[in-house]
Amino acid sequence: MKILLFAKLVRITEHRLMPLSQRAYLRSLQGHVDLTQWAKFITATDYNCRGGYAFIGPWINRGYTRTSTLKLPTPVLVSLEHCRPQSRETYRTYTVLVIHSSGQITDPGIEADDLTYNWAHRILPHTHAILEDLAAYDKEHDHGPITDRIRLKPMPTLSPRFSKPQYRQDWR
C-alpha cells in the first residue's frame, strides 16, 4: 500500500502552529513559492556533526511512500521554512514526530528554530533519548493523544453478492 507520508507529516506540523503564526505561515507560502519543506527519518544521531547533519537517516520522498518499506517505530524530523513579512527574512522551524508501529503519529514536543544559534544541539539530547529506547517509547506513548494515523494495511473491501451492474452487458 502507498501513502502520501510527506504531505501528512507536513500537514501535522502546520496544524501544530499557533493560529496567528499558522495564518502568517500560510500567507507567506502564497507569496513565496521558493519556501521549502523537508522531512527525514532519524535512524541515528551524531554529536560530532553540526546542524541537520547530526540527524542521520534517509529523506522522505514528496510522492508516495510504500508502507511495506517503513521500519516502524521511527522518529521523523520535519522542517518548515517561514518568511517574515516585514523584512523578507526566512527562517526554519524543526519538529520531531514519532511514527509508532501501529501507524499512530505522536508529537513528543521536541521543536526548535534556527533564529538562535545551534538549533540541532538543543533538540539532539531529547531525540537521542527517544532513539535509545525506541521500543519502550513505542509501547508507552502508543495509547496517548492521537495526532494522526497512517494506514499500514489496505481496508478490506466488502462486495455484495449481487451488486448493481456497471455495464450494459451485465443485464443479460
N, C-alpha and C. Protein backbone atom coordinates (compact mmCIF):
# COMPACT_ATOMS: atom_id res chain seq x y z
N MET A 1 0.84 -1.17 0.00
CA MET A 1 0.00 0.00 0.00
C MET A 1 0.89 1.24 0.00
N LYS A 2 0.43 2.27 -0.71
CA LYS A 2 1.20 3.50 -0.80
C LYS A 2 0.43 4.64 -0.12
N ILE A 3 1.17 5.50 0.57
CA ILE A 3 0.57 6.65 1.25
C ILE A 3 1.39 7.90 0.95
N LEU A 4 0.77 9.05 1.11
CA LEU A 4 1.46 10.33 0.96
C LEU A 4 1.99 10.75 2.33
N LEU A 5 3.06 10.09 2.77
CA LEU A 5 3.60 10.30 4.11
C LEU A 5 4.15 11.70 4.29
N PHE A 6 4.88 12.21 3.30
CA PHE A 6 5.48 13.54 3.41
C PHE A 6 4.41 14.60 3.61
N ALA A 7 3.36 14.56 2.81
CA ALA A 7 2.29 15.55 2.91
C ALA A 7 1.59 15.46 4.26
N LYS A 8 1.40 14.25 4.76
CA LYS A 8 0.73 14.08 6.05
C LYS A 8 1.58 14.65 7.18
N LEU A 9 2.90 14.40 7.16
CA LEU A 9 3.78 14.92 8.21
C LEU A 9 3.86 16.45 8.18
N VAL A 10 3.92 17.03 6.98
CA VAL A 10 3.96 18.49 6.88
C VAL A 10 2.64 19.08 7.36
N ARG A 11 1.52 18.44 7.03
CA ARG A 11 0.21 18.93 7.46
C ARG A 11 0.09 18.89 8.99
N ILE A 12 0.59 17.82 9.60
CA ILE A 12 0.55 17.72 11.07
C ILE A 12 1.38 18.84 11.69
N THR A 13 2.55 19.09 11.13
CA THR A 13 3.42 20.14 11.66
C THR A 13 2.81 21.52 11.47
N GLU A 14 2.14 21.74 10.34
CA GLU A 14 1.48 23.03 10.11
C GLU A 14 0.33 23.24 11.09
N HIS A 15 -0.41 22.19 11.40
CA HIS A 15 -1.53 22.31 12.34
C HIS A 15 -1.07 22.54 13.77
N ARG A 16 0.19 22.20 14.09
CA ARG A 16 0.73 22.42 15.43
C ARG A 16 1.03 23.89 15.68
N LEU A 17 1.16 24.68 14.62
CA LEU A 17 1.50 26.10 14.79
C LEU A 17 0.37 26.82 15.51
N MET A 18 0.70 27.88 16.21
CA MET A 18 -0.31 28.72 16.85
C MET A 18 -1.17 29.35 15.76
N PRO A 19 -2.43 29.67 16.04
CA PRO A 19 -3.30 30.18 14.98
C PRO A 19 -2.77 31.41 14.25
N LEU A 20 -2.19 32.37 14.97
CA LEU A 20 -1.65 33.56 14.30
C LEU A 20 -0.45 33.21 13.44
N SER A 21 0.46 32.40 13.97
CA SER A 21 1.63 32.04 13.17
C SER A 21 1.25 31.10 12.04
N GLN A 22 0.19 30.31 12.23
CA GLN A 22 -0.26 29.43 11.15
C GLN A 22 -0.79 30.27 9.98
N ARG A 23 -1.58 31.32 10.28
CA ARG A 23 -2.08 32.19 9.22
C ARG A 23 -0.92 32.92 8.53
N ALA A 24 0.04 33.39 9.30
CA ALA A 24 1.19 34.06 8.70
C ALA A 24 2.00 33.11 7.84
N TYR A 25 2.13 31.86 8.30
CA TYR A 25 2.87 30.85 7.52
C TYR A 25 2.16 30.57 6.20
N LEU A 26 0.85 30.37 6.24
CA LEU A 26 0.11 30.10 5.01
C LEU A 26 0.13 31.29 4.06
N ARG A 27 0.09 32.52 4.61
CA ARG A 27 0.19 33.71 3.78
C ARG A 27 1.57 33.81 3.13
N SER A 28 2.62 33.46 3.87
CA SER A 28 3.97 33.54 3.29
C SER A 28 4.16 32.47 2.22
N LEU A 29 3.48 31.34 2.35
CA LEU A 29 3.56 30.32 1.31
C LEU A 29 2.92 30.80 0.02
N GLN A 30 1.85 31.59 0.12
CA GLN A 30 1.19 32.10 -1.08
C GLN A 30 2.07 33.10 -1.81
N GLY A 31 2.80 33.92 -1.07
CA GLY A 31 3.62 34.95 -1.70
C GLY A 31 4.99 34.50 -2.12
N HIS A 32 5.49 33.42 -1.55
CA HIS A 32 6.86 32.97 -1.83
C HIS A 32 6.80 31.51 -2.25
N VAL A 33 7.01 31.27 -3.51
CA VAL A 33 6.96 29.89 -3.99
C VAL A 33 8.27 29.15 -3.74
N ASP A 34 9.31 29.87 -3.34
CA ASP A 34 10.61 29.24 -3.13
C ASP A 34 10.81 28.72 -1.71
N LEU A 35 9.83 28.88 -0.82
CA LEU A 35 9.94 28.33 0.53
C LEU A 35 9.82 26.81 0.46
N THR A 36 10.73 26.11 1.11
CA THR A 36 10.76 24.65 1.00
C THR A 36 10.48 23.99 2.34
N GLN A 37 10.00 22.77 2.25
CA GLN A 37 9.78 21.93 3.42
C GLN A 37 10.51 20.63 3.16
N TRP A 38 10.98 20.00 4.20
CA TRP A 38 11.58 18.68 4.04
C TRP A 38 11.35 17.85 5.30
N ALA A 39 11.52 16.55 5.13
CA ALA A 39 11.35 15.63 6.25
C ALA A 39 12.30 14.46 6.05
N LYS A 40 12.79 13.92 7.15
CA LYS A 40 13.68 12.76 7.07
C LYS A 40 13.47 11.86 8.27
N PHE A 41 13.65 10.56 8.03
CA PHE A 41 13.62 9.60 9.12
C PHE A 41 14.90 9.76 9.92
N ILE A 42 14.83 9.55 11.22
CA ILE A 42 16.02 9.62 12.07
C ILE A 42 16.35 8.21 12.51
N THR A 43 17.46 7.68 12.00
CA THR A 43 17.89 6.34 12.39
C THR A 43 19.01 6.38 13.43
N ALA A 44 19.75 7.50 13.48
CA ALA A 44 20.85 7.65 14.44
C ALA A 44 21.13 9.14 14.63
N THR A 45 21.87 9.44 15.67
CA THR A 45 22.29 10.82 15.91
C THR A 45 23.80 10.85 16.08
N ASP A 46 24.41 11.97 15.70
CA ASP A 46 25.85 12.12 15.79
C ASP A 46 26.16 13.48 16.42
N TYR A 47 26.75 13.46 17.63
CA TYR A 47 27.05 14.70 18.34
C TYR A 47 28.23 15.46 17.73
N ASN A 48 29.00 14.82 16.87
CA ASN A 48 30.16 15.48 16.27
C ASN A 48 29.78 16.35 15.08
N CYS A 49 28.61 16.17 14.50
CA CYS A 49 28.19 16.95 13.33
C CYS A 49 27.39 18.17 13.78
N ARG A 50 27.32 19.15 12.91
CA ARG A 50 26.59 20.37 13.22
C ARG A 50 25.35 20.46 12.35
N GLY A 51 24.34 21.14 12.87
CA GLY A 51 23.11 21.37 12.11
C GLY A 51 22.35 20.08 11.86
N GLY A 52 21.67 20.03 10.72
CA GLY A 52 20.85 18.88 10.38
C GLY A 52 21.65 17.62 10.10
N TYR A 53 22.96 17.76 9.90
CA TYR A 53 23.80 16.58 9.66
C TYR A 53 23.93 15.71 10.92
N ALA A 54 23.54 16.24 12.06
CA ALA A 54 23.60 15.46 13.30
C ALA A 54 22.51 14.39 13.34
N PHE A 55 21.49 14.54 12.50
CA PHE A 55 20.41 13.56 12.42
C PHE A 55 20.61 12.71 11.18
N ILE A 56 20.93 11.45 11.39
CA ILE A 56 21.28 10.54 10.29
C ILE A 56 20.05 9.73 9.93
N GLY A 57 19.78 9.65 8.63
CA GLY A 57 18.66 8.85 8.16
C GLY A 57 18.26 9.25 6.75
N PRO A 58 17.43 8.43 6.12
CA PRO A 58 17.03 8.72 4.74
C PRO A 58 15.96 9.81 4.67
N TRP A 59 15.92 10.52 3.54
CA TRP A 59 14.93 11.55 3.30
C TRP A 59 13.59 10.90 2.97
N ILE A 60 12.52 11.59 3.26
CA ILE A 60 11.18 11.12 2.91
C ILE A 60 10.80 11.75 1.58
N ASN A 61 10.40 10.93 0.63
CA ASN A 61 10.02 11.42 -0.70
C ASN A 61 8.76 12.26 -0.62
N ARG A 62 8.64 13.20 -1.55
CA ARG A 62 7.44 14.03 -1.60
C ARG A 62 6.26 13.27 -2.19
N GLY A 63 6.50 12.23 -2.92
CA GLY A 63 5.42 11.45 -3.52
C GLY A 63 4.95 10.34 -2.59
N TYR A 64 4.56 9.25 -3.19
CA TYR A 64 4.03 8.13 -2.42
C TYR A 64 5.15 7.35 -1.75
N THR A 65 4.88 6.85 -0.56
CA THR A 65 5.80 6.01 0.20
C THR A 65 5.12 4.67 0.42
N ARG A 66 5.82 3.60 0.14
CA ARG A 66 5.26 2.26 0.38
C ARG A 66 5.32 1.94 1.87
N THR A 67 4.20 1.52 2.42
CA THR A 67 4.15 1.22 3.85
C THR A 67 4.92 -0.05 4.17
N SER A 68 5.11 -0.93 3.19
CA SER A 68 5.84 -2.16 3.45
C SER A 68 7.33 -1.91 3.68
N THR A 69 7.85 -0.77 3.21
CA THR A 69 9.27 -0.47 3.37
C THR A 69 9.57 0.31 4.65
N LEU A 70 8.54 0.76 5.36
CA LEU A 70 8.77 1.54 6.58
C LEU A 70 9.23 0.63 7.71
N LYS A 71 10.26 1.06 8.43
CA LYS A 71 10.72 0.35 9.62
C LYS A 71 10.20 1.10 10.83
N LEU A 72 9.12 0.59 11.38
CA LEU A 72 8.45 1.28 12.48
C LEU A 72 8.74 0.59 13.79
N PRO A 73 8.80 1.28 14.88
CA PRO A 73 8.61 2.71 15.10
C PRO A 73 9.85 3.51 14.67
N THR A 74 9.64 4.77 14.33
CA THR A 74 10.75 5.62 13.91
C THR A 74 10.44 7.08 14.19
N PRO A 75 11.43 7.85 14.65
CA PRO A 75 11.25 9.29 14.76
C PRO A 75 11.48 9.96 13.40
N VAL A 76 10.85 11.10 13.21
CA VAL A 76 10.94 11.84 11.95
C VAL A 76 11.22 13.30 12.28
N LEU A 77 12.13 13.93 11.52
CA LEU A 77 12.43 15.35 11.66
C LEU A 77 11.75 16.08 10.50
N VAL A 78 10.87 17.03 10.81
CA VAL A 78 10.14 17.79 9.79
C VAL A 78 10.57 19.25 9.89
N SER A 79 10.90 19.85 8.75
CA SER A 79 11.35 21.24 8.72
C SER A 79 10.44 22.07 7.83
N LEU A 80 10.00 23.21 8.35
CA LEU A 80 9.19 24.16 7.58
C LEU A 80 9.97 25.46 7.48
N GLU A 81 9.92 26.11 6.32
CA GLU A 81 10.59 27.39 6.13
C GLU A 81 9.55 28.50 6.19
N HIS A 82 9.83 29.51 6.99
CA HIS A 82 8.92 30.64 7.18
C HIS A 82 9.57 31.90 6.63
N CYS A 83 8.74 32.91 6.38
CA CYS A 83 9.24 34.20 5.91
C CYS A 83 8.61 35.30 6.74
N ARG A 84 9.42 36.20 7.26
CA ARG A 84 8.88 37.35 7.99
C ARG A 84 8.43 38.39 6.97
N PRO A 85 7.18 38.84 7.07
CA PRO A 85 6.64 39.71 6.03
C PRO A 85 7.32 41.08 5.94
N GLN A 86 7.77 41.64 7.06
CA GLN A 86 8.35 42.98 7.02
C GLN A 86 9.76 42.96 6.42
N SER A 87 10.58 42.03 6.87
CA SER A 87 11.98 42.06 6.46
C SER A 87 12.31 41.07 5.35
N ARG A 88 11.36 40.20 5.00
CA ARG A 88 11.57 39.15 3.99
C ARG A 88 12.68 38.17 4.39
N GLU A 89 12.97 38.13 5.68
CA GLU A 89 13.97 37.20 6.20
C GLU A 89 13.33 35.83 6.39
N THR A 90 14.03 34.79 5.97
CA THR A 90 13.49 33.45 6.12
C THR A 90 14.17 32.74 7.29
N TYR A 91 13.42 31.87 7.91
CA TYR A 91 13.95 31.04 8.99
C TYR A 91 13.22 29.71 8.96
N ARG A 92 13.77 28.71 9.62
CA ARG A 92 13.19 27.37 9.63
C ARG A 92 12.78 26.97 11.04
N THR A 93 11.72 26.16 11.11
CA THR A 93 11.34 25.51 12.35
C THR A 93 11.52 24.02 12.16
N TYR A 94 11.96 23.34 13.20
CA TYR A 94 12.23 21.90 13.15
C TYR A 94 11.40 21.22 14.23
N THR A 95 10.68 20.17 13.83
CA THR A 95 9.81 19.44 14.75
C THR A 95 10.10 17.96 14.62
N VAL A 96 10.16 17.27 15.76
CA VAL A 96 10.35 15.82 15.76
C VAL A 96 9.00 15.17 16.05
N LEU A 97 8.59 14.25 15.18
CA LEU A 97 7.39 13.44 15.36
C LEU A 97 7.80 11.98 15.43
N VAL A 98 6.97 11.14 16.02
CA VAL A 98 7.28 9.70 16.11
C VAL A 98 6.14 8.93 15.44
N ILE A 99 6.51 8.04 14.50
CA ILE A 99 5.55 7.14 13.88
C ILE A 99 5.66 5.81 14.60
N HIS A 100 4.58 5.38 15.25
CA HIS A 100 4.59 4.15 16.05
C HIS A 100 4.34 2.93 15.16
N SER A 101 4.56 1.75 15.73
CA SER A 101 4.39 0.52 14.97
C SER A 101 2.93 0.27 14.59
N SER A 102 2.00 0.91 15.27
CA SER A 102 0.58 0.78 14.93
C SER A 102 0.15 1.75 13.83
N GLY A 103 1.05 2.66 13.44
CA GLY A 103 0.72 3.66 12.44
C GLY A 103 0.33 4.99 13.04
N GLN A 104 0.23 5.07 14.35
CA GLN A 104 -0.13 6.31 15.02
C GLN A 104 1.06 7.27 14.99
N ILE A 105 0.78 8.54 14.77
CA ILE A 105 1.82 9.58 14.75
C ILE A 105 1.61 10.45 15.98
N THR A 106 2.63 10.53 16.83
CA THR A 106 2.53 11.35 18.04
C THR A 106 3.60 12.44 18.03
N ASP A 107 3.36 13.44 18.84
CA ASP A 107 4.25 14.58 18.95
C ASP A 107 4.88 14.60 20.33
N PRO A 108 6.18 14.30 20.45
CA PRO A 108 6.81 14.32 21.78
C PRO A 108 7.11 15.73 22.28
N GLY A 109 6.83 16.76 21.49
CA GLY A 109 7.05 18.14 21.94
C GLY A 109 8.48 18.62 21.75
N ILE A 110 9.21 18.02 20.84
CA ILE A 110 10.60 18.43 20.58
C ILE A 110 10.59 19.34 19.36
N GLU A 111 10.94 20.60 19.55
CA GLU A 111 10.97 21.53 18.43
C GLU A 111 12.01 22.61 18.68
N ALA A 112 12.47 23.22 17.59
CA ALA A 112 13.46 24.29 17.65
C ALA A 112 13.34 25.13 16.38
N ASP A 113 13.99 26.28 16.37
CA ASP A 113 14.07 27.08 15.15
C ASP A 113 15.50 27.56 15.00
N ASP A 114 15.82 28.00 13.78
CA ASP A 114 17.21 28.42 13.55
C ASP A 114 17.41 29.92 13.72
N LEU A 115 16.50 30.59 14.45
CA LEU A 115 16.70 32.01 14.75
C LEU A 115 17.83 32.20 15.75
N THR A 116 18.04 31.21 16.60
CA THR A 116 19.17 31.25 17.53
C THR A 116 20.18 30.19 17.11
N TYR A 117 21.39 30.38 17.51
CA TYR A 117 22.49 29.52 17.09
C TYR A 117 22.35 28.11 17.66
N ASN A 118 22.78 27.13 16.88
CA ASN A 118 22.92 25.75 17.33
C ASN A 118 21.59 25.08 17.65
N TRP A 119 20.65 25.16 16.72
CA TRP A 119 19.32 24.58 16.93
C TRP A 119 19.38 23.06 17.09
N ALA A 120 20.27 22.40 16.34
CA ALA A 120 20.29 20.94 16.34
C ALA A 120 20.73 20.39 17.70
N HIS A 121 21.70 21.03 18.32
CA HIS A 121 22.19 20.53 19.60
C HIS A 121 21.23 20.81 20.75
N ARG A 122 20.24 21.68 20.53
CA ARG A 122 19.20 21.87 21.55
C ARG A 122 18.21 20.71 21.57
N ILE A 123 17.92 20.12 20.40
CA ILE A 123 16.94 19.03 20.35
C ILE A 123 17.60 17.65 20.25
N LEU A 124 18.91 17.63 20.07
CA LEU A 124 19.63 16.36 19.90
C LEU A 124 19.54 15.45 21.13
N PRO A 125 19.71 15.92 22.37
CA PRO A 125 19.63 15.01 23.52
C PRO A 125 18.26 14.35 23.67
N HIS A 126 17.20 15.12 23.42
CA HIS A 126 15.84 14.58 23.54
C HIS A 126 15.57 13.53 22.46
N THR A 127 16.02 13.80 21.25
CA THR A 127 15.85 12.85 20.15
C THR A 127 16.68 11.60 20.38
N HIS A 128 17.88 11.78 20.89
CA HIS A 128 18.75 10.64 21.17
C HIS A 128 18.15 9.75 22.26
N ALA A 129 17.51 10.36 23.26
CA ALA A 129 16.85 9.58 24.32
C ALA A 129 15.71 8.73 23.76
N ILE A 130 14.96 9.28 22.82
CA ILE A 130 13.88 8.51 22.19
C ILE A 130 14.47 7.36 21.37
N LEU A 131 15.54 7.63 20.64
CA LEU A 131 16.16 6.61 19.80
C LEU A 131 16.76 5.47 20.62
N GLU A 132 17.33 5.78 21.78
CA GLU A 132 17.98 4.75 22.59
C GLU A 132 17.01 3.68 23.06
N ASP A 133 15.82 4.09 23.45
CA ASP A 133 14.83 3.13 23.95
C ASP A 133 13.54 3.28 23.16
N LEU A 134 13.63 3.07 21.86
CA LEU A 134 12.50 3.29 20.96
C LEU A 134 11.37 2.30 21.19
N ALA A 135 11.70 1.05 21.49
CA ALA A 135 10.65 0.04 21.71
C ALA A 135 9.82 0.39 22.94
N ALA A 136 10.47 0.81 24.02
CA ALA A 136 9.73 1.19 25.23
C ALA A 136 8.92 2.46 24.99
N TYR A 137 9.48 3.41 24.25
CA TYR A 137 8.74 4.64 23.93
C TYR A 137 7.52 4.31 23.09
N ASP A 138 7.66 3.35 22.18
CA ASP A 138 6.55 2.96 21.32
C ASP A 138 5.40 2.38 22.14
N LYS A 139 5.71 1.53 23.11
CA LYS A 139 4.66 0.92 23.94
C LYS A 139 4.04 1.95 24.89
N GLU A 140 4.88 2.82 25.44
CA GLU A 140 4.41 3.77 26.44
C GLU A 140 3.52 4.86 25.86
N HIS A 141 3.88 5.39 24.70
CA HIS A 141 3.17 6.54 24.14
C HIS A 141 2.23 6.18 22.99
N ASP A 142 2.07 4.89 22.69
CA ASP A 142 1.21 4.50 21.58
C ASP A 142 -0.25 4.75 21.88
N HIS A 143 -0.63 4.79 23.14
CA HIS A 143 -2.03 4.99 23.50
C HIS A 143 -2.31 6.41 23.97
N GLY A 144 -1.39 7.31 23.70
CA GLY A 144 -1.57 8.70 24.10
C GLY A 144 -2.52 9.43 23.17
N PRO A 145 -2.57 10.75 23.26
CA PRO A 145 -3.44 11.51 22.36
C PRO A 145 -2.96 11.37 20.92
N ILE A 146 -3.88 11.04 20.05
CA ILE A 146 -3.53 10.78 18.65
C ILE A 146 -3.39 12.09 17.90
N THR A 147 -2.22 12.33 17.33
CA THR A 147 -2.02 13.47 16.45
C THR A 147 -2.61 13.13 15.09
N ASP A 148 -2.25 11.98 14.59
CA ASP A 148 -2.79 11.48 13.33
C ASP A 148 -2.39 10.02 13.21
N ARG A 149 -2.86 9.38 12.17
CA ARG A 149 -2.58 7.96 11.98
C ARG A 149 -2.38 7.70 10.50
N ILE A 150 -1.46 6.80 10.19
CA ILE A 150 -1.31 6.34 8.82
C ILE A 150 -1.84 4.92 8.73
N ARG A 151 -2.42 4.59 7.60
CA ARG A 151 -2.97 3.26 7.41
C ARG A 151 -1.86 2.37 6.85
N LEU A 152 -1.51 1.33 7.59
CA LEU A 152 -0.43 0.44 7.19
C LEU A 152 -0.90 -0.68 6.29
N LYS A 153 -2.16 -1.08 6.41
CA LYS A 153 -2.72 -2.14 5.58
C LYS A 153 -3.96 -1.61 4.89
N PRO A 154 -4.26 -2.07 3.67
CA PRO A 154 -5.46 -1.59 2.99
C PRO A 154 -6.72 -2.05 3.71
N MET A 155 -7.75 -1.25 3.60
CA MET A 155 -9.03 -1.59 4.20
C MET A 155 -9.65 -2.74 3.42
N PRO A 156 -10.25 -3.71 4.10
CA PRO A 156 -10.90 -4.79 3.36
C PRO A 156 -12.13 -4.27 2.63
N THR A 157 -12.30 -4.72 1.42
CA THR A 157 -13.46 -4.30 0.64
C THR A 157 -14.50 -5.40 0.70
N LEU A 158 -15.70 -5.03 1.01
CA LEU A 158 -16.80 -5.97 1.08
C LEU A 158 -17.66 -5.79 -0.16
N SER A 159 -17.72 -6.79 -0.98
CA SER A 159 -18.55 -6.69 -2.17
C SER A 159 -19.81 -7.52 -1.95
N PRO A 160 -20.95 -6.93 -2.20
CA PRO A 160 -22.19 -7.70 -2.03
C PRO A 160 -22.29 -8.82 -3.05
N ARG A 161 -23.04 -9.82 -2.73
CA ARG A 161 -23.16 -10.98 -3.62
C ARG A 161 -23.79 -10.59 -4.95
N PHE A 162 -24.84 -9.81 -4.89
CA PHE A 162 -25.50 -9.35 -6.11
C PHE A 162 -25.36 -7.84 -6.17
N SER A 163 -24.31 -7.39 -6.78
CA SER A 163 -24.08 -5.95 -6.84
C SER A 163 -24.79 -5.36 -8.05
N LYS A 164 -24.92 -4.07 -8.05
CA LYS A 164 -25.55 -3.36 -9.15
C LYS A 164 -24.70 -3.49 -10.40
N PRO A 165 -25.29 -3.82 -11.54
CA PRO A 165 -24.49 -3.95 -12.76
C PRO A 165 -23.90 -2.61 -13.17
N GLN A 166 -22.66 -2.64 -13.63
CA GLN A 166 -21.99 -1.42 -14.03
C GLN A 166 -21.98 -1.22 -15.54
N TYR A 167 -22.16 -2.27 -16.29
CA TYR A 167 -22.12 -2.17 -17.74
C TYR A 167 -23.42 -2.70 -18.33
N ARG A 168 -23.71 -2.31 -19.54
CA ARG A 168 -24.94 -2.71 -20.21
C ARG A 168 -25.00 -4.23 -20.41
N GLN A 169 -23.85 -4.88 -20.66
CA GLN A 169 -23.82 -6.31 -20.90
C GLN A 169 -24.14 -7.10 -19.63
N ASP A 170 -24.04 -6.51 -18.50
CA ASP A 170 -24.28 -7.24 -17.25
C ASP A 170 -25.76 -7.58 -17.05
N TRP A 171 -26.65 -6.89 -17.75
CA TRP A 171 -28.08 -7.15 -17.58
C TRP A 171 -28.53 -8.43 -18.26
N ARG A 172 -27.73 -8.96 -19.15
CA ARG A 172 -28.16 -10.14 -19.90
C ARG A 172 -28.13 -11.39 -19.09
